[in-house]
Structure formats: C-alpha cells, structure tokens
Amino acid sequence: MKVPGGNRASFAVRLVAAVSAAAGALATAPDARAWYFPEHVIIAHDGVMQLPPQLRDILRDAVARSRDQGLTLCARVDVPLEEIGQPKAVDTGMIHS
C-alpha cells in the first residue's frame, strides 16, 4: 500500500497525532449554545392535532414504546405548550426575555 507523503511509520505517527488532537479538542469542548424555538412546539402540536385519530394513536404508541426503551420524551403527544411550559423568564447565553 502506498502511503501519502512518505513512509508508513511517519504516516502512522501523523495519524496518531491527528486523532489524539481531535480527541483532545472534542473532550475539552465547552457546552453547546443553542436556540430554543417554542414556536416549533406549537407548530408540531398543531400538526399532531390535525392528524386523524388513528394516526395519533399510532404516534402515541410509538412515543410510549420509545419512553419504555429509555428515551426521555413527553408522556403524551397531544399536550399543548401551555400545559408543559415553565412560567419563568428565558435566560440563556443567547436569549434574555
């Protein structure tokens, strides 16, 4: 096998160094900053409520099975934002309201 840029030993050393540098950068990365869009919750809720009852039952069953397998999802798929929202001001690194 032909190795780019020289012999196999120097390639292996460069590869190990690159992988180590990438692992170090990922291990020391700070918390991610992200936006929270509550309107997406409202749009999703409106979309679910427009589904026929049979499809909502299928979705409800899929959510229940996913929760049983350890995913952290809401217990119900038809809960409006007003019922699950927390009555406190949004205060993140990106948003202050």
PDB file of N, CA and C in Angstrom:
ATOM      1  N   MET A   1       0.844  -1.183   0.000  1.00  0.00           N
ATOM      2  CA  MET A   1       0.000   0.000   0.000  1.00  0.00           C
ATOM      3  C   MET A   1       0.883   1.237   0.000  1.00  0.00           C
ATOM      4  N   LYS A   2       0.591   2.151  -0.894  1.00  0.00           N
ATOM      5  CA  LYS A   2       1.352   3.398  -0.968  1.00  0.00           C
ATOM      6  C   LYS A   2       0.758   4.396   0.019  1.00  0.00           C
ATOM      7  N   VAL A   3       1.605   4.975   0.839  1.00  0.00           N
ATOM      8  CA  VAL A   3       1.179   5.914   1.876  1.00  0.00           C
ATOM      9  C   VAL A   3       1.446   7.326   1.389  1.00  0.00           C
ATOM     10  N   PRO A   4       0.467   8.252   1.519  1.00  0.00           N
ATOM     11  CA  PRO A   4       0.683   9.626   1.054  1.00  0.00           C
ATOM     12  C   PRO A   4       1.764  10.325   1.865  1.00  0.00           C
ATOM     13  N   GLY A   5       2.685  10.963   1.179  1.00  0.00           N
ATOM     14  CA  GLY A   5       3.682  11.810   1.821  1.00  0.00           C
ATOM     15  C   GLY A   5       4.849  11.114   2.478  1.00  0.00           C
ATOM     16  N   GLY A   6       5.165   9.865   2.165  1.00  0.00           N
ATOM     17  CA  GLY A   6       6.340   9.252   2.747  1.00  0.00           C
ATOM     18  C   GLY A   6       6.129   7.819   3.166  1.00  0.00           C
ATOM     19  N   ASN A   7       6.900   7.412   4.188  1.00  0.00           N
ATOM     20  CA  ASN A   7       6.849   6.016   4.607  1.00  0.00           C
ATOM     21  C   ASN A   7       5.709   5.760   5.593  1.00  0.00           C
ATOM     22  N   ARG A   8       5.483   4.501   5.851  1.00  0.00           N
ATOM     23  CA  ARG A   8       4.360   4.104   6.711  1.00  0.00           C
ATOM     24  C   ARG A   8       4.549   4.552   8.156  1.00  0.00           C
ATOM     25  N   ALA A   9       5.757   4.554   8.654  1.00  0.00           N
ATOM     26  CA  ALA A   9       5.991   4.934  10.050  1.00  0.00           C
ATOM     27  C   ALA A   9       5.636   6.397  10.286  1.00  0.00           C
ATOM     28  N   SER A  10       6.098   7.275   9.392  1.00  0.00           N
ATOM     29  CA  SER A  10       5.786   8.699   9.591  1.00  0.00           C
ATOM     30  C   SER A  10       4.287   8.961   9.396  1.00  0.00           C
ATOM     31  N   PHE A  11       3.654   8.214   8.482  1.00  0.00           N
ATOM     32  CA  PHE A  11       2.206   8.342   8.302  1.00  0.00           C
ATOM     33  C   PHE A  11       1.481   7.910   9.563  1.00  0.00           C
ATOM     34  N   ALA A  12       1.893   6.816  10.165  1.00  0.00           N
ATOM     35  CA  ALA A  12       1.257   6.322  11.388  1.00  0.00           C
ATOM     36  C   ALA A  12       1.407   7.336  12.517  1.00  0.00           C
ATOM     37  N   VAL A  13       2.576   7.940  12.635  1.00  0.00           N
ATOM     38  CA  VAL A  13       2.810   8.935  13.682  1.00  0.00           C
ATOM     39  C   VAL A  13       1.905  10.143  13.464  1.00  0.00           C
ATOM     40  N   ARG A  14       1.807  10.606  12.213  1.00  0.00           N
ATOM     41  CA  ARG A  14       0.944  11.757  11.916  1.00  0.00           C
ATOM     42  C   ARG A  14      -0.524  11.414  12.159  1.00  0.00           C
ATOM     43  N   LEU A  15      -0.917  10.188  11.815  1.00  0.00           N
ATOM     44  CA  LEU A  15      -2.297   9.766  12.024  1.00  0.00           C
ATOM     45  C   LEU A  15      -2.633   9.722  13.513  1.00  0.00           C
ATOM     46  N   VAL A  16      -1.753   9.153  14.317  1.00  0.00           N
ATOM     47  CA  VAL A  16      -1.968   9.094  15.761  1.00  0.00           C
ATOM     48  C   VAL A  16      -2.020  10.503  16.343  1.00  0.00           C
ATOM     49  N   ALA A  17      -1.158  11.390  15.877  1.00  0.00           N
ATOM     50  CA  ALA A  17      -1.157  12.763  16.371  1.00  0.00           C
ATOM     51  C   ALA A  17      -2.460  13.475  16.010  1.00  0.00           C
ATOM     52  N   ALA A  18      -2.924  13.275  14.789  1.00  0.00           N
ATOM     53  CA  ALA A  18      -4.169  13.919  14.357  1.00  0.00           C
ATOM     54  C   ALA A  18      -5.362  13.395  15.146  1.00  0.00           C
ATOM     55  N   VAL A  19      -5.433  12.091  15.333  1.00  0.00           N
ATOM     56  CA  VAL A  19      -6.541  11.501  16.094  1.00  0.00           C
ATOM     57  C   VAL A  19      -6.489  11.967  17.546  1.00  0.00           C
ATOM     58  N   SER A  20      -5.308  12.027  18.126  1.00  0.00           N
ATOM     59  CA  SER A  20      -5.163  12.495  19.506  1.00  0.00           C
ATOM     60  C   SER A  20      -5.582  13.955  19.641  1.00  0.00           C
ATOM     61  N   ALA A  21      -5.184  14.780  18.676  1.00  0.00           N
ATOM     62  CA  ALA A  21      -5.561  16.197  18.718  1.00  0.00           C
ATOM     63  C   ALA A  21      -7.075  16.350  18.598  1.00  0.00           C
ATOM     64  N   ALA A  22      -7.700  15.594  17.702  1.00  0.00           N
ATOM     65  CA  ALA A  22      -9.152  15.668  17.541  1.00  0.00           C
ATOM     66  C   ALA A  22      -9.859  15.192  18.809  1.00  0.00           C
ATOM     67  N   ALA A  23      -9.381  14.108  19.401  1.00  0.00           N
ATOM     68  CA  ALA A  23      -9.992  13.595  20.624  1.00  0.00           C
ATOM     69  C   ALA A  23      -9.850  14.606  21.760  1.00  0.00           C
ATOM     70  N   GLY A  24      -8.695  15.235  21.851  1.00  0.00           N
ATOM     71  CA  GLY A  24      -8.482  16.252  22.886  1.00  0.00           C
ATOM     72  C   GLY A  24      -9.388  17.450  22.703  1.00  0.00           C
ATOM     73  N   ALA A  25      -9.560  17.886  21.466  1.00  0.00           N
ATOM     74  CA  ALA A  25     -10.439  19.028  21.195  1.00  0.00           C
ATOM     75  C   ALA A  25     -11.883  18.691  21.536  1.00  0.00           C
ATOM     76  N   LEU A  26     -12.317  17.497  21.190  1.00  0.00           N
ATOM     77  CA  LEU A  26     -13.694  17.100  21.495  1.00  0.00           C
ATOM     78  C   LEU A  26     -13.913  16.922  22.996  1.00  0.00           C
ATOM     79  N   ALA A  27     -12.916  16.415  23.689  1.00  0.00           N
ATOM     80  CA  ALA A  27     -13.058  16.164  25.126  1.00  0.00           C
ATOM     81  C   ALA A  27     -13.103  17.452  25.939  1.00  0.00           C
ATOM     82  N   THR A  28     -12.493  18.514  25.429  1.00  0.00           N
ATOM     83  CA  THR A  28     -12.441  19.763  26.185  1.00  0.00           C
ATOM     84  C   THR A  28     -13.377  20.834  25.636  1.00  0.00           C
ATOM     85  N   ALA A  29     -14.265  20.469  24.727  1.00  0.00           N
ATOM     86  CA  ALA A  29     -15.175  21.446  24.128  1.00  0.00           C
ATOM     87  C   ALA A  29     -16.152  21.968  25.188  1.00  0.00           C
ATOM     88  N   PRO A  30     -16.451  23.260  25.155  1.00  0.00           N
ATOM     89  CA  PRO A  30     -17.415  23.826  26.116  1.00  0.00           C
ATOM     90  C   PRO A  30     -18.842  23.408  25.753  1.00  0.00           C
ATOM     91  N   ASP A  31     -19.782  23.781  26.626  1.00  0.00           N
ATOM     92  CA  ASP A  31     -21.191  23.498  26.361  1.00  0.00           C
ATOM     93  C   ASP A  31     -21.609  24.126  25.041  1.00  0.00           C
ATOM     94  N   ALA A  32     -22.498  23.433  24.345  1.00  0.00           N
ATOM     95  CA  ALA A  32     -23.025  23.970  23.090  1.00  0.00           C
ATOM     96  C   ALA A  32     -24.023  25.081  23.389  1.00  0.00           C
ATOM     97  N   ARG A  33     -24.025  26.059  22.569  1.00  0.00           N
ATOM     98  CA  ARG A  33     -25.003  27.156  22.677  1.00  0.00           C
ATOM     99  C   ARG A  33     -26.051  26.907  21.598  1.00  0.00           C
ATOM    100  N   ALA A  34     -27.296  26.912  21.980  1.00  0.00           N
ATOM    101  CA  ALA A  34     -28.345  26.629  21.014  1.00  0.00           C
ATOM    102  C   ALA A  34     -29.551  27.520  21.280  1.00  0.00           C
ATOM    103  N   TRP A  35     -30.298  27.751  20.233  1.00  0.00           N
ATOM    104  CA  TRP A  35     -31.545  28.491  20.345  1.00  0.00           C
ATOM    105  C   TRP A  35     -32.660  27.528  20.691  1.00  0.00           C
ATOM    106  N   TYR A  36     -33.627  28.013  21.417  1.00  0.00           N
ATOM    107  CA  TYR A  36     -34.829  27.241  21.710  1.00  0.00           C
ATOM    108  C   TYR A  36     -35.979  27.970  21.033  1.00  0.00           C
ATOM    109  N   PHE A  37     -36.688  27.278  20.183  1.00  0.00           N
ATOM    110  CA  PHE A  37     -37.777  27.885  19.435  1.00  0.00           C
ATOM    111  C   PHE A  37     -39.105  27.311  19.902  1.00  0.00           C
ATOM    112  N   PRO A  38     -39.793  27.973  20.838  1.00  0.00           N
ATOM    113  CA  PRO A  38     -41.064  27.443  21.323  1.00  0.00           C
ATOM    114  C   PRO A  38     -42.123  27.382  20.230  1.00  0.00           C
ATOM    115  N   GLU A  39     -41.958  28.193  19.179  1.00  0.00           N
ATOM    116  CA  GLU A  39     -42.952  28.125  18.109  1.00  0.00           C
ATOM    117  C   GLU A  39     -42.911  26.764  17.402  1.00  0.00           C
ATOM    118  N   HIS A  40     -41.778  26.085  17.429  1.00  0.00           N
ATOM    119  CA  HIS A  40     -41.701  24.743  16.848  1.00  0.00           C
ATOM    120  C   HIS A  40     -42.575  23.765  17.626  1.00  0.00           C
ATOM    121  N   VAL A  41     -42.638  23.945  18.943  1.00  0.00           N
ATOM    122  CA  VAL A  41     -43.503  23.098  19.760  1.00  0.00           C
ATOM    123  C   VAL A  41     -44.962  23.338  19.376  1.00  0.00           C
ATOM    124  N   ILE A  42     -45.312  24.597  19.183  1.00  0.00           N
ATOM    125  CA  ILE A  42     -46.686  24.937  18.826  1.00  0.00           C
ATOM    126  C   ILE A  42     -47.037  24.402  17.446  1.00  0.00           C
ATOM    127  N   ILE A  43     -46.127  24.566  16.483  1.00  0.00           N
ATOM    128  CA  ILE A  43     -46.370  24.061  15.124  1.00  0.00           C
ATOM    129  C   ILE A  43     -46.507  22.545  15.139  1.00  0.00           C
ATOM    130  N   ALA A  44     -45.631  21.862  15.872  1.00  0.00           N
ATOM    131  CA  ALA A  44     -45.707  20.401  15.954  1.00  0.00           C
ATOM    132  C   ALA A  44     -47.024  19.968  16.598  1.00  0.00           C
ATOM    133  N   HIS A  45     -47.424  20.640  17.668  1.00  0.00           N
ATOM    134  CA  HIS A  45     -48.691  20.304  18.337  1.00  0.00           C
ATOM    135  C   HIS A  45     -49.864  20.495  17.387  1.00  0.00           C
ATOM    136  N   ASP A  46     -49.876  21.621  16.681  1.00  0.00           N
ATOM    137  CA  ASP A  46     -50.963  21.868  15.729  1.00  0.00           C
ATOM    138  C   ASP A  46     -50.993  20.794  14.647  1.00  0.00           C
ATOM    139  N   GLY A  47     -49.810  20.373  14.183  1.00  0.00           N
ATOM    140  CA  GLY A  47     -49.750  19.322  13.178  1.00  0.00           C
ATOM    141  C   GLY A  47     -50.266  17.988  13.699  1.00  0.00           C
ATOM    142  N   VAL A  48     -49.890  17.643  14.915  1.00  0.00           N
ATOM    143  CA  VAL A  48     -50.366  16.389  15.508  1.00  0.00           C
ATOM    144  C   VAL A  48     -51.871  16.429  15.691  1.00  0.00           C
ATOM    145  N   MET A  49     -52.405  17.564  16.107  1.00  0.00           N
ATOM    146  CA  MET A  49     -53.839  17.654  16.343  1.00  0.00           C
ATOM    147  C   MET A  49     -54.642  17.581  15.044  1.00  0.00           C
ATOM    148  N   GLN A  50     -54.017  17.874  13.909  1.00  0.00           N
ATOM    149  CA  GLN A  50     -54.709  17.783  12.628  1.00  0.00           C
ATOM    150  C   GLN A  50     -54.692  16.365  12.059  1.00  0.00           C
ATOM    151  N   LEU A  51     -53.902  15.486  12.663  1.00  0.00           N
ATOM    152  CA  LEU A  51     -53.868  14.098  12.196  1.00  0.00           C
ATOM    153  C   LEU A  51     -55.179  13.393  12.532  1.00  0.00           C
ATOM    154  N   PRO A  52     -55.575  12.427  11.718  1.00  0.00           N
ATOM    155  CA  PRO A  52     -56.743  11.616  12.078  1.00  0.00           C
ATOM    156  C   PRO A  52     -56.469  10.862  13.386  1.00  0.00           C
ATOM    157  N   PRO A  53     -57.492  10.577  14.172  1.00  0.00           N
ATOM    158  CA  PRO A  53     -57.305   9.899  15.460  1.00  0.00           C
ATOM    159  C   PRO A  53     -56.518   8.589  15.346  1.00  0.00           C
ATOM    160  N   GLN A  54     -56.693   7.858  14.259  1.00  0.00           N
ATOM    161  CA  GLN A  54     -55.979   6.594  14.097  1.00  0.00           C
ATOM    162  C   GLN A  54     -54.464   6.830  14.011  1.00  0.00           C
ATOM    163  N   LEU A  55     -54.057   7.863  13.289  1.00  0.00           N
ATOM    164  CA  LEU A  55     -52.631   8.164  13.190  1.00  0.00           C
ATOM    165  C   LEU A  55     -52.081   8.708  14.499  1.00  0.00           C
ATOM    166  N   ARG A  56     -52.884   9.500  15.219  1.00  0.00           N
ATOM    167  CA  ARG A  56     -52.449   9.963  16.538  1.00  0.00           C
ATOM    168  C   ARG A  56     -52.235   8.787  17.481  1.00  0.00           C
ATOM    169  N   ASP A  57     -53.088   7.764  17.386  1.00  0.00           N
ATOM    170  CA  ASP A  57     -52.919   6.566  18.218  1.00  0.00           C
ATOM    171  C   ASP A  57     -51.611   5.858  17.893  1.00  0.00           C
ATOM    172  N   ILE A  58     -51.268   5.779  16.611  1.00  0.00           N
ATOM    173  CA  ILE A  58     -50.002   5.152  16.205  1.00  0.00           C
ATOM    174  C   ILE A  58     -48.827   5.962  16.754  1.00  0.00           C
ATOM    175  N   LEU A  59     -48.895   7.273  16.628  1.00  0.00           N
ATOM    176  CA  LEU A  59     -47.836   8.139  17.141  1.00  0.00           C
ATOM    177  C   LEU A  59     -47.725   8.030  18.657  1.00  0.00           C
ATOM    178  N   ARG A  60     -48.864   8.020  19.336  1.00  0.00           N
ATOM    179  CA  ARG A  60     -48.893   7.880  20.800  1.00  0.00           C
ATOM    180  C   ARG A  60     -48.233   6.568  21.219  1.00  0.00           C
ATOM    181  N   ASP A  61     -48.529   5.477  20.489  1.00  0.00           N
ATOM    182  CA  ASP A  61     -47.943   4.176  20.792  1.00  0.00           C
ATOM    183  C   ASP A  61     -46.433   4.184  20.560  1.00  0.00           C
ATOM    184  N   ALA A  62     -45.994   4.827  19.484  1.00  0.00           N
ATOM    185  CA  ALA A  62     -44.555   4.905  19.199  1.00  0.00           C
ATOM    186  C   ALA A  62     -43.820   5.688  20.285  1.00  0.00           C
ATOM    187  N   VAL A  63     -44.421   6.772  20.755  1.00  0.00           N
ATOM    188  CA  VAL A  63     -43.814   7.565  21.828  1.00  0.00           C
ATOM    189  C   VAL A  63     -43.749   6.742  23.113  1.00  0.00           C
ATOM    190  N   ALA A  64     -44.826   6.019  23.431  1.00  0.00           N
ATOM    191  CA  ALA A  64     -44.846   5.205  24.652  1.00  0.00           C
ATOM    192  C   ALA A  64     -43.778   4.109  24.585  1.00  0.00           C
ATOM    193  N   ARG A  65     -43.641   3.464  23.428  1.00  0.00           N
ATOM    194  CA  ARG A  65     -42.615   2.413  23.304  1.00  0.00           C
ATOM    195  C   ARG A  65     -41.218   3.009  23.408  1.00  0.00           C
ATOM    196  N   SER A  66     -41.007   4.193  22.841  1.00  0.00           N
ATOM    197  CA  SER A  66     -39.698   4.842  22.923  1.00  0.00           C
ATOM    198  C   SER A  66     -39.365   5.212  24.364  1.00  0.00           C
ATOM    199  N   ARG A  67     -40.360   5.686  25.110  1.00  0.00           N
ATOM    200  CA  ARG A  67     -40.136   6.008  26.520  1.00  0.00           C
ATOM    201  C   ARG A  67     -39.803   4.752  27.308  1.00  0.00           C
ATOM    202  N   ASP A  68     -40.462   3.636  26.986  1.00  0.00           N
ATOM    203  CA  ASP A  68     -40.170   2.371  27.664  1.00  0.00           C
ATOM    204  C   ASP A  68     -38.732   1.926  27.424  1.00  0.00           C
ATOM    205  N   GLN A  69     -38.168   2.332  26.287  1.00  0.00           N
ATOM    206  CA  GLN A  69     -36.800   1.955  25.941  1.00  0.00           C
ATOM    207  C   GLN A  69     -35.770   2.961  26.449  1.00  0.00           C
ATOM    208  N   GLY A  70     -36.221   3.949  27.224  1.00  0.00           N
ATOM    209  CA  GLY A  70     -35.280   4.854  27.879  1.00  0.00           C
ATOM    210  C   GLY A  70     -35.161   6.238  27.278  1.00  0.00           C
ATOM    211  N   LEU A  71     -35.848   6.537  26.184  1.00  0.00           N
ATOM    212  CA  LEU A  71     -35.780   7.890  25.634  1.00  0.00           C
ATOM    213  C   LEU A  71     -36.610   8.829  26.496  1.00  0.00           C
ATOM    214  N   THR A  72     -36.107  10.026  26.716  1.00  0.00           N
ATOM    215  CA  THR A  72     -36.829  10.996  27.533  1.00  0.00           C
ATOM    216  C   THR A  72     -37.740  11.821  26.635  1.00  0.00           C
ATOM    217  N   LEU A  73     -38.973  11.383  26.533  1.00  0.00           N
ATOM    218  CA  LEU A  73     -39.980  12.062  25.728  1.00  0.00           C
ATOM    219  C   LEU A  73     -41.174  12.393  26.606  1.00  0.00           C
ATOM    220  N   CYS A  74     -41.983  13.328  26.168  1.00  0.00           N
ATOM    221  CA  CYS A  74     -43.213  13.649  26.894  1.00  0.00           C
ATOM    222  C   CYS A  74     -44.110  12.418  26.945  1.00  0.00           C
ATOM    223  N   ALA A  75     -44.886  12.328  27.993  1.00  0.00           N
ATOM    224  CA  ALA A  75     -45.774  11.177  28.155  1.00  0.00           C
ATOM    225  C   ALA A  75     -46.871  11.163  27.099  1.00  0.00           C
ATOM    226  N   ARG A  76     -47.330  12.352  26.719  1.00  0.00           N
ATOM    227  CA  ARG A  76     -48.408  12.432  25.725  1.00  0.00           C
ATOM    228  C   ARG A  76     -47.928  13.220  24.511  1.00  0.00           C
ATOM    229  N   VAL A  77     -48.510  12.922  23.354  1.00  0.00           N
ATOM    230  CA  VAL A  77     -48.132  13.645  22.143  1.00  0.00           C
ATOM    231  C   VAL A  77     -49.077  14.795  21.845  1.00  0.00           C
ATOM    232  N   ASP A  78     -50.133  14.926  22.600  1.00  0.00           N
ATOM    233  CA  ASP A  78     -51.128  15.946  22.311  1.00  0.00           C
ATOM    234  C   ASP A  78     -51.209  17.015  23.398  1.00  0.00           C
ATOM    235  N   VAL A  79     -50.111  17.239  24.105  1.00  0.00           N
ATOM    236  CA  VAL A  79     -50.081  18.221  25.193  1.00  0.00           C
ATOM    237  C   VAL A  79     -49.748  19.591  24.607  1.00  0.00           C
ATOM    238  N   PRO A  80     -50.590  20.598  24.842  1.00  0.00           N
ATOM    239  CA  PRO A  80     -50.257  21.941  24.358  1.00  0.00           C
ATOM    240  C   PRO A  80     -49.112  22.544  25.176  1.00  0.00           C
ATOM    241  N   LEU A  81     -48.411  23.465  24.574  1.00  0.00           N
ATOM    242  CA  LEU A  81     -47.257  24.102  25.204  1.00  0.00           C
ATOM    243  C   LEU A  81     -47.612  24.724  26.549  1.00  0.00           C
ATOM    244  N   GLU A  82     -48.812  25.270  26.668  1.00  0.00           N
ATOM    245  CA  GLU A  82     -49.221  25.938  27.906  1.00  0.00           C
ATOM    246  C   GLU A  82     -49.230  24.973  29.091  1.00  0.00           C
ATOM    247  N   GLU A  83     -49.462  23.696  28.839  1.00  0.00           N
ATOM    248  CA  GLU A  83     -49.518  22.724  29.931  1.00  0.00           C
ATOM    249  C   GLU A  83     -48.139  22.250  30.380  1.00  0.00           C
ATOM    250  N   ILE A  84     -47.148  22.285  29.492  1.00  0.00           N
ATOM    251  CA  ILE A  84     -45.833  21.766  29.863  1.00  0.00           C
ATOM    252  C   ILE A  84     -44.792  22.854  30.049  1.00  0.00           C
ATOM    253  N   GLY A  85     -45.102  24.065  29.605  1.00  0.00           N
ATOM    254  CA  GLY A  85     -44.151  25.157  29.728  1.00  0.00           C
ATOM    255  C   GLY A  85     -43.949  25.567  31.172  1.00  0.00           C
ATOM    256  N   GLN A  86     -42.780  26.092  31.453  1.00  0.00           N
ATOM    257  CA  GLN A  86     -42.486  26.570  32.796  1.00  0.00           C
ATOM    258  C   GLN A  86     -42.691  28.080  32.830  1.00  0.00           C
ATOM    259  N   PRO A  87     -43.422  28.570  33.815  1.00  0.00           N
ATOM    260  CA  PRO A  87     -43.702  30.010  33.881  1.00  0.00           C
ATOM    261  C   PRO A  87     -42.511  30.791  34.436  1.00  0.00           C
ATOM    262  N   LYS A  88     -41.434  30.836  33.677  1.00  0.00           N
ATOM    263  CA  LYS A  88     -40.285  31.622  34.098  1.00  0.00           C
ATOM    264  C   LYS A  88     -39.660  32.268  32.873  1.00  0.00           C
ATOM    265  N   ALA A  89     -38.923  33.315  33.100  1.00  0.00           N
ATOM    266  CA  ALA A  89     -38.292  34.044  32.006  1.00  0.00           C
ATOM    267  C   ALA A  89     -37.198  33.196  31.376  1.00  0.00           C
ATOM    268  N   VAL A  90     -37.041  33.363  30.081  1.00  0.00           N
ATOM    269  CA  VAL A  90     -35.968  32.681  29.366  1.00  0.00           C
ATOM    270  C   VAL A  90     -34.694  33.460  29.619  1.00  0.00           C
ATOM    271  N   ASP A  91     -33.663  32.816  30.108  1.00  0.00           N
ATOM    272  CA  ASP A  91     -32.402  33.492  30.377  1.00  0.00           C
ATOM    273  C   ASP A  91     -31.267  32.541  30.016  1.00  0.00           C
ATOM    274  N   THR A  92     -30.799  32.651  28.783  1.00  0.00           N
ATOM    275  CA  THR A  92     -29.698  31.833  28.317  1.00  0.00           C
ATOM    276  C   THR A  92     -28.586  32.748  27.822  1.00  0.00           C
ATOM    277  N   GLY A  93     -27.520  32.158  27.361  1.00  0.00           N
ATOM    278  CA  GLY A  93     -26.442  32.963  26.800  1.00  0.00           C
ATOM    279  C   GLY A  93     -26.836  33.674  25.527  1.00  0.00           C
ATOM    280  N   MET A  94     -27.877  33.183  24.857  1.00  0.00           N
ATOM    281  CA  MET A  94     -28.297  33.743  23.582  1.00  0.00           C
ATOM    282  C   MET A  94     -29.547  34.607  23.695  1.00  0.00           C
ATOM    283  N   ILE A  95     -30.446  34.251  24.632  1.00  0.00           N
ATOM    284  CA  ILE A  95     -31.747  34.921  24.725  1.00  0.00           C
ATOM    285  C   ILE A  95     -31.969  35.427  26.146  1.00  0.00           C
ATOM    286  N   HIS A  96     -32.470  36.642  26.247  1.00  0.00           N
ATOM    287  CA  HIS A  96     -32.887  37.196  27.542  1.00  0.00           C
ATOM    288  C   HIS A  96     -34.270  37.806  27.330  1.00  0.00           C
ATOM    289  N   SER A  97     -35.281  37.187  27.938  1.00  0.00           N
ATOM    290  CA  SER A  97     -36.628  37.765  27.788  1.00  0.00           C
ATOM    291  C   SER A  97     -37.420  37.588  29.057  1.00  0.00           C
TER     292      SER A  97
END
